[in-house]
Amino acid sequence: MLNLPNANDAILECGCGTEYILPYLIQMKKNTCKLFLTDISRVKLRVVAKKCETIENTPLSRHIYDYTYIPTNEEVKEAKEPYFNKFLNVFVERADACNLPYESGIFDIYFGGMLLQEVNNPFSAIKEAFRVLKKGGRAGFTIPDSMGEDNEFDLILAQAV
């Protein structure tokens, strides 16, 4: 739906968490296309940086999918921020989805998987997504199905379209 292979310059995933789809994103994007992964949690971002290192050094490792890794306090404190993996062309940095540190109109694709239920103001996150997208760019959000039919996200998404 987001057409990742057609992104030329940059893709942004907000609220990446521990990045379950990282191998897929790296495989689908062009090598020259930058991938920006953001989250508010430094611990989760350290896990993502570790996964990037694993993919670069041993791309077929099962440790890419090891969800038991929890970084120590020292690892989190010593982590470079932002983290950049030149080999994969991936940036990992801390950012608030409702107040992104990027210029307007720079991303081809924006993805917020399971993001809207985590932020204080979902409508603000949606507005930020469209602010940082290029003209003609694509945004995608996922929300849990268990929220019921009368949830606030249906109304917010209807207003954003």
C-alpha atoms as a PDB file:
ATOM      1  CA  MET A   1       0.000   0.000   0.000  1.00  0.00           C
ATOM      2  CA  LEU A   2       2.796   2.448   0.841  1.00  0.00           C
ATOM      3  CA  ASN A   3       4.841   1.383  -2.208  1.00  0.00           C
ATOM      4  CA  LEU A   4       8.222   1.325  -0.443  1.00  0.00           C
ATOM      5  CA  PRO A   5      10.286   0.465  -3.557  1.00  0.00           C
ATOM      6  CA  ASN A   6       9.193   3.736  -5.203  1.00  0.00           C
ATOM      7  CA  ALA A   7      10.469   5.965  -2.389  1.00  0.00           C
ATOM      8  CA  ASN A   8      13.441   7.875  -3.786  1.00  0.00           C
ATOM      9  CA  ASP A   9      14.798   9.945  -0.925  1.00  0.00           C
ATOM     10  CA  ALA A  10      13.526   9.140   2.560  1.00  0.00           C
ATOM     11  CA  ILE A  11      11.104   6.989   4.536  1.00  0.00           C
ATOM     12  CA  LEU A  12      10.061   7.781   8.109  1.00  0.00           C
ATOM     13  CA  GLU A  13       8.640   5.313  10.610  1.00  0.00           C
ATOM     14  CA  CYS A  14       7.415   6.992  13.793  1.00  0.00           C
ATOM     15  CA  GLY A  15       6.921   4.953  16.926  1.00  0.00           C
ATOM     16  CA  CYS A  16       9.099   2.161  15.581  1.00  0.00           C
ATOM     17  CA  GLY A  17       9.294   0.426  18.968  1.00  0.00           C
ATOM     18  CA  THR A  18      11.769  -2.431  18.774  1.00  0.00           C
ATOM     19  CA  GLU A  19      11.187  -2.575  15.012  1.00  0.00           C
ATOM     20  CA  TYR A  20       9.571  -5.869  14.117  1.00  0.00           C
ATOM     21  CA  ILE A  21       9.595  -5.157  10.386  1.00  0.00           C
ATOM     22  CA  LEU A  22      13.156  -3.852  10.036  1.00  0.00           C
ATOM     23  CA  PRO A  23      14.413  -6.660   7.741  1.00  0.00           C
ATOM     24  CA  TYR A  24      11.383  -6.130   5.484  1.00  0.00           C
ATOM     25  CA  LEU A  25      11.884  -2.351   5.316  1.00  0.00           C
ATOM     26  CA  ILE A  26      15.563  -2.709   4.489  1.00  0.00           C
ATOM     27  CA  GLN A  27      14.866  -5.308   1.822  1.00  0.00           C
ATOM     28  CA  MET A  28      12.055  -3.318   0.182  1.00  0.00           C
ATOM     29  CA  LYS A  29      13.614   0.165   0.089  1.00  0.00           C
ATOM     30  CA  LYS A  30      16.167   1.319  -2.476  1.00  0.00           C
ATOM     31  CA  ASN A  31      19.739   1.243  -1.175  1.00  0.00           C
ATOM     32  CA  THR A  32      20.044   4.987  -1.781  1.00  0.00           C
ATOM     33  CA  CYS A  33      16.822   5.779   0.103  1.00  0.00           C
ATOM     34  CA  LYS A  34      17.324   6.861   3.723  1.00  0.00           C
ATOM     35  CA  LEU A  35      15.243   5.130   6.393  1.00  0.00           C
ATOM     36  CA  PHE A  36      14.513   7.143   9.543  1.00  0.00           C
ATOM     37  CA  LEU A  37      13.265   5.177  12.556  1.00  0.00           C
ATOM     38  CA  THR A  38      12.027   7.171  15.533  1.00  0.00           C
ATOM     39  CA  ASP A  39      10.567   6.427  18.924  1.00  0.00           C
ATOM     40  CA  ILE A  40      10.260   8.244  22.236  1.00  0.00           C
ATOM     41  CA  SER A  41      11.924   5.382  24.156  1.00  0.00           C
ATOM     42  CA  ARG A  42      15.722   5.322  24.314  1.00  0.00           C
ATOM     43  CA  VAL A  43      15.646   1.673  25.385  1.00  0.00           C
ATOM     44  CA  LYS A  44      13.658   0.644  22.305  1.00  0.00           C
ATOM     45  CA  LEU A  45      15.932   2.686  20.059  1.00  0.00           C
ATOM     46  CA  ARG A  46      18.985   0.894  21.472  1.00  0.00           C
ATOM     47  CA  VAL A  47      17.327  -2.414  20.552  1.00  0.00           C
ATOM     48  CA  VAL A  48      16.765  -1.123  17.002  1.00  0.00           C
ATOM     49  CA  ALA A  49      20.392   0.016  16.711  1.00  0.00           C
ATOM     50  CA  LYS A  50      21.519  -3.439  17.848  1.00  0.00           C
ATOM     51  CA  LYS A  51      19.283  -5.035  15.184  1.00  0.00           C
ATOM     52  CA  CYS A  52      20.831  -2.776  12.526  1.00  0.00           C
ATOM     53  CA  GLU A  53      24.300  -3.873  13.610  1.00  0.00           C
ATOM     54  CA  THR A  54      23.209  -7.519  13.466  1.00  0.00           C
ATOM     55  CA  ILE A  55      21.733  -7.137   9.978  1.00  0.00           C
ATOM     56  CA  GLU A  56      24.903  -5.433   8.747  1.00  0.00           C
ATOM     57  CA  ASN A  57      27.289  -7.997  10.239  1.00  0.00           C
ATOM     58  CA  THR A  58      25.282 -11.219   9.933  1.00  0.00           C
ATOM     59  CA  PRO A  59      22.208 -10.600   7.742  1.00  0.00           C
ATOM     60  CA  LEU A  60      20.911 -14.173   8.032  1.00  0.00           C
ATOM     61  CA  SER A  61      21.194 -14.301  11.812  1.00  0.00           C
ATOM     62  CA  ARG A  62      18.180 -15.458  13.781  1.00  0.00           C
ATOM     63  CA  HIS A  63      19.159 -12.842  16.389  1.00  0.00           C
ATOM     64  CA  ILE A  64      17.465 -10.207  14.230  1.00  0.00           C
ATOM     65  CA  TYR A  65      14.239 -11.699  15.551  1.00  0.00           C
ATOM     66  CA  ASP A  66      15.452 -12.184  19.127  1.00  0.00           C
ATOM     67  CA  TYR A  67      12.898 -10.297  21.215  1.00  0.00           C
ATOM     68  CA  THR A  68      14.501 -11.254  24.528  1.00  0.00           C
ATOM     69  CA  TYR A  69      17.354  -8.727  24.256  1.00  0.00           C
ATOM     70  CA  ILE A  70      17.012  -5.928  26.809  1.00  0.00           C
ATOM     71  CA  PRO A  71      19.816  -3.365  26.836  1.00  0.00           C
ATOM     72  CA  THR A  72      21.478  -2.566  30.146  1.00  0.00           C
ATOM     73  CA  ASN A  73      21.305   0.931  31.620  1.00  0.00           C
ATOM     74  CA  GLU A  74      24.949   1.395  30.628  1.00  0.00           C
ATOM     75  CA  GLU A  75      24.234   0.431  27.006  1.00  0.00           C
ATOM     76  CA  VAL A  76      21.374   2.922  26.858  1.00  0.00           C
ATOM     77  CA  LYS A  77      23.455   5.707  28.448  1.00  0.00           C
ATOM     78  CA  GLU A  78      26.412   5.079  26.129  1.00  0.00           C
ATOM     79  CA  ALA A  79      24.321   4.750  22.956  1.00  0.00           C
ATOM     80  CA  LYS A  80      25.118   7.217  20.205  1.00  0.00           C
ATOM     81  CA  GLU A  81      22.171   9.400  19.402  1.00  0.00           C
ATOM     82  CA  PRO A  82      21.230   9.679  16.683  1.00  0.00           C
ATOM     83  CA  TYR A  83      22.548   6.318  15.537  1.00  0.00           C
ATOM     84  CA  PHE A  84      23.398   6.058  11.833  1.00  0.00           C
ATOM     85  CA  ASN A  85      24.177   2.841  10.014  1.00  0.00           C
ATOM     86  CA  LYS A  86      25.921   3.854   6.790  1.00  0.00           C
ATOM     87  CA  PHE A  87      25.840   0.343   5.321  1.00  0.00           C
ATOM     88  CA  LEU A  88      22.032   0.110   5.618  1.00  0.00           C
ATOM     89  CA  ASN A  89      21.395   3.870   5.211  1.00  0.00           C
ATOM     90  CA  VAL A  90      19.318   3.850   8.405  1.00  0.00           C
ATOM     91  CA  PHE A  91      18.991   6.636  10.984  1.00  0.00           C
ATOM     92  CA  VAL A  92      17.701   5.760  14.463  1.00  0.00           C
ATOM     93  CA  GLU A  93      16.787   8.705  16.653  1.00  0.00           C
ATOM     94  CA  ARG A  94      14.557   9.828  19.475  1.00  0.00           C
ATOM     95  CA  ALA A  95      11.596  11.962  18.386  1.00  0.00           C
ATOM     96  CA  ASP A  96       8.079  12.849  19.462  1.00  0.00           C
ATOM     97  CA  ALA A  97       5.560  11.931  16.750  1.00  0.00           C
ATOM     98  CA  CYS A  98       3.520  15.045  17.610  1.00  0.00           C
ATOM     99  CA  ASN A  99       6.488  17.401  17.242  1.00  0.00           C
ATOM    100  CA  LEU A 100       8.961  15.998  14.714  1.00  0.00           C
ATOM    101  CA  PRO A 101      12.406  17.611  14.330  1.00  0.00           C
ATOM    102  CA  TYR A 102      12.309  17.469  10.521  1.00  0.00           C
ATOM    103  CA  GLU A 103      11.710  20.108   7.879  1.00  0.00           C
ATOM    104  CA  SER A 104       8.412  20.088   6.011  1.00  0.00           C
ATOM    105  CA  GLY A 105       8.058  18.064   2.826  1.00  0.00           C
ATOM    106  CA  ILE A 106      11.109  15.801   2.981  1.00  0.00           C
ATOM    107  CA  PHE A 107       9.734  12.241   3.253  1.00  0.00           C
ATOM    108  CA  ASP A 108       8.317  10.118   0.454  1.00  0.00           C
ATOM    109  CA  ILE A 109       6.611   7.760   2.930  1.00  0.00           C
ATOM    110  CA  TYR A 110       5.502   8.018   6.553  1.00  0.00           C
ATOM    111  CA  PHE A 111       4.476   4.976   8.569  1.00  0.00           C
ATOM    112  CA  GLY A 112       3.017   4.967  12.077  1.00  0.00           C
ATOM    113  CA  GLY A 113       2.344   1.364  13.027  1.00  0.00           C
ATOM    114  CA  MET A 114       0.329   1.092  16.247  1.00  0.00           C
ATOM    115  CA  LEU A 115       1.274   4.706  16.962  1.00  0.00           C
ATOM    116  CA  LEU A 116      -1.998   6.592  17.286  1.00  0.00           C
ATOM    117  CA  GLN A 117      -3.169   4.809  20.428  1.00  0.00           C
ATOM    118  CA  GLU A 118       0.189   5.567  22.103  1.00  0.00           C
ATOM    119  CA  VAL A 119       0.367   9.357  21.694  1.00  0.00           C
ATOM    120  CA  ASN A 120      -1.481  11.951  23.778  1.00  0.00           C
ATOM    121  CA  ASN A 121      -2.929  13.707  20.738  1.00  0.00           C
ATOM    122  CA  PRO A 122      -3.478  11.398  17.736  1.00  0.00           C
ATOM    123  CA  PHE A 123      -4.732  14.217  15.518  1.00  0.00           C
ATOM    124  CA  SER A 124      -1.501  16.155  16.158  1.00  0.00           C
ATOM    125  CA  ALA A 125       0.539  13.100  15.104  1.00  0.00           C
ATOM    126  CA  ILE A 126      -1.472  12.823  11.887  1.00  0.00           C
ATOM    127  CA  LYS A 127      -0.958  16.528  11.122  1.00  0.00           C
ATOM    128  CA  GLU A 128       2.797  16.122  11.706  1.00  0.00           C
ATOM    129  CA  ALA A 129       2.865  13.145   9.352  1.00  0.00           C
ATOM    130  CA  PHE A 130       1.352  15.175   6.547  1.00  0.00           C
ATOM    131  CA  ARG A 131       3.594  18.156   7.320  1.00  0.00           C
ATOM    132  CA  VAL A 132       6.809  16.170   6.802  1.00  0.00           C
ATOM    133  CA  LEU A 133       5.550  14.351   3.690  1.00  0.00           C
ATOM    134  CA  LYS A 134       6.445  15.538   0.214  1.00  0.00           C
ATOM    135  CA  LYS A 135       3.626  16.523  -2.084  1.00  0.00           C
ATOM    136  CA  GLY A 136       2.235  13.217  -3.352  1.00  0.00           C
ATOM    137  CA  GLY A 137       3.840  11.304  -0.469  1.00  0.00           C
ATOM    138  CA  ARG A 138       2.042   8.465   1.279  1.00  0.00           C
ATOM    139  CA  ALA A 139       1.174   7.989   4.940  1.00  0.00           C
ATOM    140  CA  GLY A 140      -0.007   4.822   6.618  1.00  0.00           C
ATOM    141  CA  PHE A 141      -1.223   4.148  10.158  1.00  0.00           C
ATOM    142  CA  THR A 142      -2.310   0.965  11.838  1.00  0.00           C
ATOM    143  CA  ILE A 143      -4.485   0.682  14.928  1.00  0.00           C
ATOM    144  CA  PRO A 144      -5.542  -2.343  16.956  1.00  0.00           C
ATOM    145  CA  ASP A 145      -8.766  -3.978  15.866  1.00  0.00           C
ATOM    146  CA  SER A 146      -9.950  -4.516  19.424  1.00  0.00           C
ATOM    147  CA  MET A 147     -10.822  -0.864  19.993  1.00  0.00           C
ATOM    148  CA  GLY A 148     -14.428  -1.342  18.935  1.00  0.00           C
ATOM    149  CA  GLU A 149     -16.507   0.338  16.264  1.00  0.00           C
ATOM    150  CA  ASP A 150     -17.058   3.662  18.029  1.00  0.00           C
ATOM    151  CA  ASN A 151     -13.488   4.697  18.630  1.00  0.00           C
ATOM    152  CA  GLU A 152     -12.042   8.183  18.337  1.00  0.00           C
ATOM    153  CA  PHE A 153      -9.542   7.165  15.633  1.00  0.00           C
ATOM    154  CA  ASP A 154     -12.294   6.602  13.065  1.00  0.00           C
ATOM    155  CA  LEU A 155     -13.361  10.209  13.557  1.00  0.00           C
ATOM    156  CA  ILE A 156      -9.824  11.583  13.486  1.00  0.00           C
ATOM    157  CA  LEU A 157      -8.891   9.708  10.307  1.00  0.00           C
ATOM    158  CA  ALA A 158     -12.071  10.866   8.619  1.00  0.00           C
ATOM    159  CA  GLN A 159     -11.135  14.485   9.409  1.00  0.00           C
ATOM    160  CA  ALA A 160      -7.592  14.069   8.094  1.00  0.00           C
ATOM    161  CA  VAL A 161      -8.612  12.731   4.681  1.00  0.00           C
END
